[in-house]
């Protein structure tokens, strides 16, 4: 399994480097998405023009995000010129939004439930701190404080839902949508989601997570001391650009590898179905 995973990651990396023009287009879209998000957050005035700009920016961020995901899901499967790939993504990006609507609803529900559970845990923690304050009457000897397992469990489950379960499900649904069409993706959604959480898919995503999330995080938060303000600003700019490059490249390579593994798994399942139940498959 590990050998197949690294082979898929290497194959996806080679394909991305071969199509470096498409990588440049993706990087421009990536920077535009972050620029639109930053401009949306810093727009505070309530004039009519500013409200219109905020609305356009609010639409631009998910639009650019879905276009990037469409190109990422197709780059390892379809050998198209970069311009044709961009035009195809601009035409079909809405399909990724439609297939992801159930996941968006699940994310909103999970966010609400986690916020409620987190607030209850916070209230309990505040009460425990209040009872341990000096001057608080104690009827007996101090009791040992229980281990705060509830906040830890809630945070762990929250990270698993938002950083593993939902992204893996979305990636596989997007791959199926871009390659098979929206109707087929809906019809085969149960099988696609089951394949999304197979061990090799989870391990591949975990390896890719180190590159598209872990390494960029440390590049951003790491502080570099410089003797000049301008030099410090320049180093910060370099770190941010490097983090954006590593994040985008790692994400596209991971999506391509997951698509290759999913396609290979689907081909094996089809072959086994055609050969009949009595056939014993050869060891891969």
C-alpha atoms as a PDB file:
ATOM      1  CA  UNK A   1       0.000   0.000   0.000  1.00  0.00           C
ATOM      2  CA  UNK A   2       2.766   2.456   0.952  1.00  0.00           C
ATOM      3  CA  UNK A   3       4.546   1.756  -2.334  1.00  0.00           C
ATOM      4  CA  UNK A   4       1.386   2.546  -4.317  1.00  0.00           C
ATOM      5  CA  UNK A   5       0.850   5.751  -2.323  1.00  0.00           C
ATOM      6  CA  UNK A   6       4.338   7.111  -2.960  1.00  0.00           C
ATOM      7  CA  UNK A   7       4.129   6.070  -6.605  1.00  0.00           C
ATOM      8  CA  UNK A   8       0.879   8.014  -6.967  1.00  0.00           C
ATOM      9  CA  UNK A   9       2.356  11.079  -5.225  1.00  0.00           C
ATOM     10  CA  UNK A  10       5.453  10.968  -7.426  1.00  0.00           C
ATOM     11  CA  UNK A  11       3.372  10.537 -10.566  1.00  0.00           C
ATOM     12  CA  UNK A  12       1.156  13.474  -9.636  1.00  0.00           C
ATOM     13  CA  UNK A  13       4.222  15.620  -8.876  1.00  0.00           C
ATOM     14  CA  UNK A  14       5.838  14.822 -12.230  1.00  0.00           C
ATOM     15  CA  UNK A  15       2.626  15.606 -14.056  1.00  0.00           C
ATOM     16  CA  UNK A  16       2.285  18.946 -12.283  1.00  0.00           C
ATOM     17  CA  UNK A  17       5.884  19.926 -13.042  1.00  0.00           C
ATOM     18  CA  UNK A  18       5.366  18.913 -16.669  1.00  0.00           C
ATOM     19  CA  UNK A  19       2.298  21.183 -16.857  1.00  0.00           C
ATOM     20  CA  UNK A  20       4.083  24.132 -15.213  1.00  0.00           C
ATOM     21  CA  UNK A  21       1.997  26.656 -17.200  1.00  0.00           C
ATOM     22  CA  UNK A  22      -1.132  25.321 -15.534  1.00  0.00           C
ATOM     23  CA  UNK A  23       0.632  25.612 -12.177  1.00  0.00           C
ATOM     24  CA  UNK A  24       1.268  29.314 -12.888  1.00  0.00           C
ATOM     25  CA  UNK A  25      -2.430  29.832 -13.665  1.00  0.00           C
ATOM     26  CA  UNK A  26      -3.366  28.042 -10.444  1.00  0.00           C
ATOM     27  CA  UNK A  27      -0.923  30.192  -8.479  1.00  0.00           C
ATOM     28  CA  UNK A  28      -2.382  33.404  -9.920  1.00  0.00           C
ATOM     29  CA  UNK A  29      -5.903  32.247  -9.044  1.00  0.00           C
ATOM     30  CA  UNK A  30      -4.681  31.248  -5.576  1.00  0.00           C
ATOM     31  CA  UNK A  31      -3.188  34.678  -4.901  1.00  0.00           C
ATOM     32  CA  UNK A  32      -6.315  36.358  -6.285  1.00  0.00           C
ATOM     33  CA  UNK A  33      -8.476  34.307  -3.914  1.00  0.00           C
ATOM     34  CA  UNK A  34      -6.410  35.320  -0.891  1.00  0.00           C
ATOM     35  CA  UNK A  35      -6.298  38.916  -2.084  1.00  0.00           C
ATOM     36  CA  UNK A  36     -10.071  39.010  -2.420  1.00  0.00           C
ATOM     37  CA  UNK A  37     -10.484  37.506   1.034  1.00  0.00           C
ATOM     38  CA  UNK A  38      -8.071  39.995   2.577  1.00  0.00           C
ATOM     39  CA  UNK A  39      -9.745  42.934   0.873  1.00  0.00           C
ATOM     40  CA  UNK A  40     -13.160  41.677   2.029  1.00  0.00           C
ATOM     41  CA  UNK A  41     -11.998  41.481   5.665  1.00  0.00           C
ATOM     42  CA  UNK A  42     -10.427  44.924   5.678  1.00  0.00           C
ATOM     43  CA  UNK A  43     -13.416  46.666   4.047  1.00  0.00           C
ATOM     44  CA  UNK A  44     -15.125  48.334   7.004  1.00  0.00           C
ATOM     45  CA  UNK A  45     -16.886  51.389   5.591  1.00  0.00           C
ATOM     46  CA  UNK A  46     -20.621  51.142   5.038  1.00  0.00           C
ATOM     47  CA  UNK A  47     -20.996  53.267   1.911  1.00  0.00           C
ATOM     48  CA  UNK A  48     -22.965  51.921  -1.019  1.00  0.00           C
ATOM     49  CA  UNK A  49     -19.816  51.434  -3.067  1.00  0.00           C
ATOM     50  CA  UNK A  50     -18.062  49.592  -0.244  1.00  0.00           C
ATOM     51  CA  UNK A  51     -21.065  47.335   0.301  1.00  0.00           C
ATOM     52  CA  UNK A  52     -21.134  46.465  -3.404  1.00  0.00           C
ATOM     53  CA  UNK A  53     -17.396  45.767  -3.342  1.00  0.00           C
ATOM     54  CA  UNK A  54     -17.804  43.567  -0.268  1.00  0.00           C
ATOM     55  CA  UNK A  55     -20.572  41.592  -1.964  1.00  0.00           C
ATOM     56  CA  UNK A  56     -18.439  41.059  -5.087  1.00  0.00           C
ATOM     57  CA  UNK A  57     -15.451  39.996  -3.012  1.00  0.00           C
ATOM     58  CA  UNK A  58     -17.615  37.632  -0.971  1.00  0.00           C
ATOM     59  CA  UNK A  59     -18.667  35.949  -4.223  1.00  0.00           C
ATOM     60  CA  UNK A  60     -15.178  36.023  -5.720  1.00  0.00           C
ATOM     61  CA  UNK A  61     -13.571  33.970  -2.937  1.00  0.00           C
ATOM     62  CA  UNK A  62     -15.718  30.792  -3.293  1.00  0.00           C
ATOM     63  CA  UNK A  63     -15.780  31.233  -7.093  1.00  0.00           C
ATOM     64  CA  UNK A  64     -11.979  31.241  -7.319  1.00  0.00           C
ATOM     65  CA  UNK A  65     -11.763  28.415  -4.781  1.00  0.00           C
ATOM     66  CA  UNK A  66     -14.056  26.163  -6.831  1.00  0.00           C
ATOM     67  CA  UNK A  67     -12.242  26.997 -10.073  1.00  0.00           C
ATOM     68  CA  UNK A  68      -8.950  25.996  -8.441  1.00  0.00           C
ATOM     69  CA  UNK A  69     -10.456  22.748  -7.153  1.00  0.00           C
ATOM     70  CA  UNK A  70     -11.857  21.908 -10.594  1.00  0.00           C
ATOM     71  CA  UNK A  71      -8.461  22.364 -12.224  1.00  0.00           C
ATOM     72  CA  UNK A  72      -6.741  20.440  -9.424  1.00  0.00           C
ATOM     73  CA  UNK A  73      -9.138  17.491  -9.761  1.00  0.00           C
ATOM     74  CA  UNK A  74      -8.561  17.317 -13.532  1.00  0.00           C
ATOM     75  CA  UNK A  75      -4.881  18.084 -13.915  1.00  0.00           C
ATOM     76  CA  UNK A  76      -3.715  14.469 -13.497  1.00  0.00           C
ATOM     77  CA  UNK A  77      -6.546  12.916 -15.480  1.00  0.00           C
ATOM     78  CA  UNK A  78      -7.037  15.135 -18.528  1.00  0.00           C
ATOM     79  CA  UNK A  79      -4.075  16.178 -20.637  1.00  0.00           C
ATOM     80  CA  UNK A  80      -5.442  19.567 -21.698  1.00  0.00           C
ATOM     81  CA  UNK A  81      -3.601  22.782 -22.565  1.00  0.00           C
ATOM     82  CA  UNK A  82      -3.592  25.256 -19.663  1.00  0.00           C
ATOM     83  CA  UNK A  83      -5.978  27.670 -21.394  1.00  0.00           C
ATOM     84  CA  UNK A  84      -8.434  24.873 -22.196  1.00  0.00           C
ATOM     85  CA  UNK A  85      -8.204  23.596 -18.618  1.00  0.00           C
ATOM     86  CA  UNK A  86      -9.009  27.075 -17.287  1.00  0.00           C
ATOM     87  CA  UNK A  87     -11.968  27.511 -19.645  1.00  0.00           C
ATOM     88  CA  UNK A  88     -13.285  24.061 -18.700  1.00  0.00           C
ATOM     89  CA  UNK A  89     -12.973  24.905 -14.994  1.00  0.00           C
ATOM     90  CA  UNK A  90     -14.788  28.212 -15.483  1.00  0.00           C
ATOM     91  CA  UNK A  91     -17.591  26.310 -17.201  1.00  0.00           C
ATOM     92  CA  UNK A  92     -17.965  23.462 -14.703  1.00  0.00           C
ATOM     93  CA  UNK A  93     -17.003  24.939 -11.330  1.00  0.00           C
ATOM     94  CA  UNK A  94     -20.659  25.135 -10.223  1.00  0.00           C
ATOM     95  CA  UNK A  95     -20.921  21.339 -10.289  1.00  0.00           C
ATOM     96  CA  UNK A  96     -18.453  21.113  -7.425  1.00  0.00           C
ATOM     97  CA  UNK A  97     -20.603  23.472  -5.392  1.00  0.00           C
ATOM     98  CA  UNK A  98     -23.751  21.430  -6.043  1.00  0.00           C
ATOM     99  CA  UNK A  99     -22.141  18.121  -5.077  1.00  0.00           C
ATOM    100  CA  UNK A 100     -20.708  19.734  -1.933  1.00  0.00           C
ATOM    101  CA  UNK A 101     -24.019  21.179  -0.663  1.00  0.00           C
ATOM    102  CA  UNK A 102     -24.680  18.218   1.691  1.00  0.00           C
ATOM    103  CA  UNK A 103     -21.149  18.547   3.073  1.00  0.00           C
ATOM    104  CA  UNK A 104     -21.625  22.295   3.573  1.00  0.00           C
ATOM    105  CA  UNK A 105     -24.816  21.642   5.532  1.00  0.00           C
ATOM    106  CA  UNK A 106     -23.031  19.017   7.618  1.00  0.00           C
ATOM    107  CA  UNK A 107     -20.195  21.487   8.277  1.00  0.00           C
ATOM    108  CA  UNK A 108     -22.630  24.184   9.415  1.00  0.00           C
ATOM    109  CA  UNK A 109     -24.449  21.749  11.690  1.00  0.00           C
ATOM    110  CA  UNK A 110     -21.172  20.431  13.098  1.00  0.00           C
ATOM    111  CA  UNK A 111     -19.909  23.965  13.689  1.00  0.00           C
ATOM    112  CA  UNK A 112     -23.079  24.810  15.618  1.00  0.00           C
ATOM    113  CA  UNK A 113     -22.909  21.632  17.711  1.00  0.00           C
ATOM    114  CA  UNK A 114     -19.212  22.078  18.481  1.00  0.00           C
ATOM    115  CA  UNK A 115     -19.764  25.704  19.477  1.00  0.00           C
ATOM    116  CA  UNK A 116     -22.556  24.664  21.852  1.00  0.00           C
ATOM    117  CA  UNK A 117     -20.475  21.849  23.312  1.00  0.00           C
ATOM    118  CA  UNK A 118     -17.460  24.137  23.606  1.00  0.00           C
ATOM    119  CA  UNK A 119     -19.462  26.820  25.393  1.00  0.00           C
ATOM    120  CA  UNK A 120     -20.797  24.280  27.892  1.00  0.00           C
ATOM    121  CA  UNK A 121     -17.280  23.014  28.529  1.00  0.00           C
ATOM    122  CA  UNK A 122     -16.063  26.586  28.988  1.00  0.00           C
ATOM    123  CA  UNK A 123     -18.791  27.308  31.539  1.00  0.00           C
ATOM    124  CA  UNK A 124     -17.822  24.180  33.468  1.00  0.00           C
ATOM    125  CA  UNK A 125     -14.158  25.195  33.419  1.00  0.00           C
ATOM    126  CA  UNK A 126     -14.985  28.724  34.624  1.00  0.00           C
ATOM    127  CA  UNK A 127     -17.041  27.339  37.485  1.00  0.00           C
ATOM    128  CA  UNK A 128     -14.196  25.047  38.505  1.00  0.00           C
ATOM    129  CA  UNK A 129     -11.764  27.965  38.484  1.00  0.00           C
ATOM    130  CA  UNK A 130     -14.199  30.103  40.492  1.00  0.00           C
ATOM    131  CA  UNK A 131     -14.562  27.435  43.152  1.00  0.00           C
ATOM    132  CA  UNK A 132     -10.788  27.142  43.440  1.00  0.00           C
ATOM    133  CA  UNK A 133     -10.256  30.891  43.956  1.00  0.00           C
ATOM    134  CA  UNK A 134      -8.888  32.036  47.358  1.00  0.00           C
ATOM    135  CA  UNK A 135     -11.610  33.102  49.749  1.00  0.00           C
ATOM    136  CA  UNK A 136     -14.172  30.703  48.350  1.00  0.00           C
ATOM    137  CA  UNK A 137     -15.739  28.737  51.244  1.00  0.00           C
ATOM    138  CA  UNK A 138     -14.836  25.092  51.142  1.00  0.00           C
ATOM    139  CA  UNK A 139     -16.915  22.654  53.171  1.00  0.00           C
ATOM    140  CA  UNK A 140     -14.131  20.113  53.361  1.00  0.00           C
ATOM    141  CA  UNK A 141     -10.633  19.268  52.167  1.00  0.00           C
ATOM    142  CA  UNK A 142      -9.919  20.223  48.543  1.00  0.00           C
ATOM    143  CA  UNK A 143     -10.940  17.549  46.116  1.00  0.00           C
ATOM    144  CA  UNK A 144      -8.618  16.520  43.297  1.00  0.00           C
ATOM    145  CA  UNK A 145      -9.577  18.267  40.069  1.00  0.00           C
ATOM    146  CA  UNK A 146     -10.862  15.883  37.387  1.00  0.00           C
ATOM    147  CA  UNK A 147      -9.014  15.624  34.125  1.00  0.00           C
ATOM    148  CA  UNK A 148     -10.600  17.899  31.533  1.00  0.00           C
ATOM    149  CA  UNK A 149     -11.187  15.152  29.000  1.00  0.00           C
ATOM    150  CA  UNK A 150     -14.347  16.730  27.565  1.00  0.00           C
ATOM    151  CA  UNK A 151     -12.673  19.775  25.947  1.00  0.00           C
ATOM    152  CA  UNK A 152      -9.885  17.540  24.627  1.00  0.00           C
ATOM    153  CA  UNK A 153     -12.380  15.100  23.139  1.00  0.00           C
ATOM    154  CA  UNK A 154     -14.438  17.905  21.598  1.00  0.00           C
ATOM    155  CA  UNK A 155     -11.376  19.562  20.059  1.00  0.00           C
ATOM    156  CA  UNK A 156     -10.066  16.255  18.733  1.00  0.00           C
ATOM    157  CA  UNK A 157     -13.399  15.380  17.148  1.00  0.00           C
ATOM    158  CA  UNK A 158     -13.672  18.888  15.716  1.00  0.00           C
ATOM    159  CA  UNK A 159     -10.243  18.631  14.076  1.00  0.00           C
ATOM    160  CA  UNK A 160     -11.093  15.206  12.658  1.00  0.00           C
ATOM    161  CA  UNK A 161     -14.362  16.461  11.162  1.00  0.00           C
ATOM    162  CA  UNK A 162     -13.071  19.697   9.642  1.00  0.00           C
ATOM    163  CA  UNK A 163      -9.526  18.685   8.702  1.00  0.00           C
ATOM    164  CA  UNK A 164      -9.939  15.018   7.728  1.00  0.00           C
ATOM    165  CA  UNK A 165     -13.474  13.724   7.222  1.00  0.00           C
ATOM    166  CA  UNK A 166     -15.068  16.602   5.327  1.00  0.00           C
ATOM    167  CA  UNK A 167     -12.005  17.432   3.155  1.00  0.00           C
ATOM    168  CA  UNK A 168     -11.487  13.788   2.169  1.00  0.00           C
ATOM    169  CA  UNK A 169     -15.162  13.394   1.304  1.00  0.00           C
ATOM    170  CA  UNK A 170     -15.169  16.641  -0.695  1.00  0.00           C
ATOM    171  CA  UNK A 171     -12.014  15.738  -2.632  1.00  0.00           C
ATOM    172  CA  UNK A 172     -13.369  12.369  -3.753  1.00  0.00           C
ATOM    173  CA  UNK A 173     -16.769  13.790  -4.657  1.00  0.00           C
ATOM    174  CA  UNK A 174     -15.085  16.559  -6.656  1.00  0.00           C
ATOM    175  CA  UNK A 175     -12.839  14.090  -8.457  1.00  0.00           C
ATOM    176  CA  UNK A 176     -15.812  11.921  -9.387  1.00  0.00           C
ATOM    177  CA  UNK A 177     -17.821  14.965 -10.500  1.00  0.00           C
ATOM    178  CA  UNK A 178     -15.109  16.328 -12.785  1.00  0.00           C
ATOM    179  CA  UNK A 179     -14.416  12.921 -14.347  1.00  0.00           C
ATOM    180  CA  UNK A 180     -17.807  11.207 -14.459  1.00  0.00           C
ATOM    181  CA  UNK A 181     -20.321  14.051 -14.319  1.00  0.00           C
ATOM    182  CA  UNK A 182     -22.640  15.384 -11.665  1.00  0.00           C
ATOM    183  CA  UNK A 183     -25.393  12.789 -12.111  1.00  0.00           C
ATOM    184  CA  UNK A 184     -23.033   9.820 -11.834  1.00  0.00           C
ATOM    185  CA  UNK A 185     -21.352  11.359  -8.794  1.00  0.00           C
ATOM    186  CA  UNK A 186     -24.700  11.669  -7.024  1.00  0.00           C
ATOM    187  CA  UNK A 187     -25.701   8.125  -7.957  1.00  0.00           C
ATOM    188  CA  UNK A 188     -22.402   6.652  -6.756  1.00  0.00           C
ATOM    189  CA  UNK A 189     -21.959   8.975  -3.777  1.00  0.00           C
ATOM    190  CA  UNK A 190     -22.199   6.179  -1.185  1.00  0.00           C
ATOM    191  CA  UNK A 191     -19.519   4.104  -2.925  1.00  0.00           C
ATOM    192  CA  UNK A 192     -17.354   7.189  -3.474  1.00  0.00           C
ATOM    193  CA  UNK A 193     -17.517   8.157   0.195  1.00  0.00           C
ATOM    194  CA  UNK A 194     -16.694   4.600   1.257  1.00  0.00           C
ATOM    195  CA  UNK A 195     -13.636   4.699  -0.996  1.00  0.00           C
ATOM    196  CA  UNK A 196     -12.679   8.109   0.401  1.00  0.00           C
ATOM    197  CA  UNK A 197     -11.992   6.635   3.839  1.00  0.00           C
ATOM    198  CA  UNK A 198     -10.072   3.588   2.699  1.00  0.00           C
ATOM    199  CA  UNK A 199      -6.692   3.248   4.474  1.00  0.00           C
ATOM    200  CA  UNK A 200      -4.608   4.242   1.447  1.00  0.00           C
ATOM    201  CA  UNK A 201      -6.712   7.369   0.868  1.00  0.00           C
ATOM    202  CA  UNK A 202      -6.383   8.423   4.513  1.00  0.00           C
ATOM    203  CA  UNK A 203      -2.611   7.826   4.531  1.00  0.00           C
ATOM    204  CA  UNK A 204      -2.183   9.716   1.253  1.00  0.00           C
ATOM    205  CA  UNK A 205      -4.141  12.660   2.599  1.00  0.00           C
ATOM    206  CA  UNK A 206      -2.138  12.611   5.843  1.00  0.00           C
ATOM    207  CA  UNK A 207       1.153  12.743   3.910  1.00  0.00           C
ATOM    208  CA  UNK A 208      -0.155  15.553   1.736  1.00  0.00           C
ATOM    209  CA  UNK A 209      -1.451  17.420   4.788  1.00  0.00           C
ATOM    210  CA  UNK A 210       2.122  17.806   6.016  1.00  0.00           C
ATOM    211  CA  UNK A 211       2.998  19.710   2.831  1.00  0.00           C
ATOM    212  CA  UNK A 212      -0.131  21.734   2.057  1.00  0.00           C
ATOM    213  CA  UNK A 213      -0.877  22.640   5.697  1.00  0.00           C
ATOM    214  CA  UNK A 214       1.951  21.768   8.099  1.00  0.00           C
ATOM    215  CA  UNK A 215       4.956  23.213   6.267  1.00  0.00           C
ATOM    216  CA  UNK A 216       3.148  26.451   5.226  1.00  0.00           C
ATOM    217  CA  UNK A 217       1.978  26.959   8.808  1.00  0.00           C
ATOM    218  CA  UNK A 218       5.522  26.854  10.164  1.00  0.00           C
ATOM    219  CA  UNK A 219       6.745  29.098   7.349  1.00  0.00           C
ATOM    220  CA  UNK A 220       4.157  31.722   8.293  1.00  0.00           C
ATOM    221  CA  UNK A 221       4.513  31.616  12.091  1.00  0.00           C
ATOM    222  CA  UNK A 222       8.310  31.365  12.152  1.00  0.00           C
ATOM    223  CA  UNK A 223       9.826  34.745  12.896  1.00  0.00           C
ATOM    224  CA  UNK A 224      13.070  35.852  11.280  1.00  0.00           C
ATOM    225  CA  UNK A 225      15.067  38.562  13.015  1.00  0.00           C
ATOM    226  CA  UNK A 226      16.633  41.192  10.772  1.00  0.00           C
ATOM    227  CA  UNK A 227      18.600  44.352  11.449  1.00  0.00           C
ATOM    228  CA  UNK A 228      16.394  46.399   9.102  1.00  0.00           C
ATOM    229  CA  UNK A 229      12.651  46.908   8.962  1.00  0.00           C
ATOM    230  CA  UNK A 230      12.715  46.631   5.183  1.00  0.00           C
ATOM    231  CA  UNK A 231      14.727  43.430   5.324  1.00  0.00           C
ATOM    232  CA  UNK A 232      12.294  41.998   7.861  1.00  0.00           C
ATOM    233  CA  UNK A 233       9.360  42.920   5.599  1.00  0.00           C
ATOM    234  CA  UNK A 234      11.148  41.347   2.633  1.00  0.00           C
ATOM    235  CA  UNK A 235      11.769  38.111   4.519  1.00  0.00           C
ATOM    236  CA  UNK A 236       8.141  38.034   5.588  1.00  0.00           C
ATOM    237  CA  UNK A 237       7.039  38.467   1.980  1.00  0.00           C
ATOM    238  CA  UNK A 238       9.337  35.664   0.858  1.00  0.00           C
ATOM    239  CA  UNK A 239       7.999  33.376   3.588  1.00  0.00           C
ATOM    240  CA  UNK A 240       4.404  34.119   2.640  1.00  0.00           C
ATOM    241  CA  UNK A 241       5.034  33.493  -1.072  1.00  0.00           C
ATOM    242  CA  UNK A 242       6.910  30.291  -0.279  1.00  0.00           C
ATOM    243  CA  UNK A 243       4.102  29.151   2.027  1.00  0.00           C
ATOM    244  CA  UNK A 244       1.516  29.840  -0.677  1.00  0.00           C
ATOM    245  CA  UNK A 245       3.574  27.946  -3.263  1.00  0.00           C
ATOM    246  CA  UNK A 246       4.119  24.916  -1.028  1.00  0.00           C
ATOM    247  CA  UNK A 247       0.475  24.898   0.061  1.00  0.00           C
ATOM    248  CA  UNK A 248      -0.920  25.052  -3.477  1.00  0.00           C
ATOM    249  CA  UNK A 249       1.566  22.547  -4.879  1.00  0.00           C
ATOM    250  CA  UNK A 250       1.017  20.130  -2.016  1.00  0.00           C
ATOM    251  CA  UNK A 251      -2.759  20.348  -2.366  1.00  0.00           C
ATOM    252  CA  UNK A 252      -2.770  19.783  -6.142  1.00  0.00           C
ATOM    253  CA  UNK A 253      -0.324  16.886  -5.869  1.00  0.00           C
ATOM    254  CA  UNK A 254      -2.397  15.298  -3.097  1.00  0.00           C
ATOM    255  CA  UNK A 255      -5.629  15.639  -5.060  1.00  0.00           C
ATOM    256  CA  UNK A 256      -3.957  14.164  -8.136  1.00  0.00           C
ATOM    257  CA  UNK A 257      -2.588  11.218  -6.151  1.00  0.00           C
ATOM    258  CA  UNK A 258      -5.980  10.551  -4.554  1.00  0.00           C
ATOM    259  CA  UNK A 259      -7.571  10.651  -7.991  1.00  0.00           C
ATOM    260  CA  UNK A 260      -5.048   8.157  -9.364  1.00  0.00           C
ATOM    261  CA  UNK A 261      -5.516   5.778  -6.436  1.00  0.00           C
ATOM    262  CA  UNK A 262      -9.289   6.072  -6.655  1.00  0.00           C
ATOM    263  CA  UNK A 263      -9.228   5.395 -10.391  1.00  0.00           C
ATOM    264  CA  UNK A 264      -6.982   2.361  -9.912  1.00  0.00           C
ATOM    265  CA  UNK A 265      -9.226   1.022  -7.144  1.00  0.00           C
ATOM    266  CA  UNK A 266     -12.297   1.480  -9.322  1.00  0.00           C
ATOM    267  CA  UNK A 267     -10.635  -0.349 -12.200  1.00  0.00           C
ATOM    268  CA  UNK A 268      -9.747  -3.260  -9.900  1.00  0.00           C
ATOM    269  CA  UNK A 269     -13.328  -3.457  -8.615  1.00  0.00           C
ATOM    270  CA  UNK A 270     -14.730  -3.438 -12.159  1.00  0.00           C
ATOM    271  CA  UNK A 271     -12.307  -6.160 -13.243  1.00  0.00           C
ATOM    272  CA  UNK A 272     -13.195  -8.346 -10.268  1.00  0.00           C
ATOM    273  CA  UNK A 273     -16.909  -7.861 -10.954  1.00  0.00           C
ATOM    274  CA  UNK A 274     -16.511  -8.851 -14.608  1.00  0.00           C
ATOM    275  CA  UNK A 275     -14.433 -11.905 -13.742  1.00  0.00           C
ATOM    276  CA  UNK A 276     -17.109 -13.269 -11.431  1.00  0.00           C
ATOM    277  CA  UNK A 277     -17.264 -14.202  -7.765  1.00  0.00           C
ATOM    278  CA  UNK A 278     -15.324 -17.412  -8.182  1.00  0.00           C
ATOM    279  CA  UNK A 279     -12.211 -15.741  -9.542  1.00  0.00           C
ATOM    280  CA  UNK A 280      -9.273 -15.339  -7.161  1.00  0.00           C
ATOM    281  CA  UNK A 281      -7.469 -12.062  -7.940  1.00  0.00           C
ATOM    282  CA  UNK A 282      -3.716 -12.067  -8.239  1.00  0.00           C
ATOM    283  CA  UNK A 283      -1.694 -10.267  -5.623  1.00  0.00           C
ATOM    284  CA  UNK A 284      -0.829  -6.737  -6.746  1.00  0.00           C
END
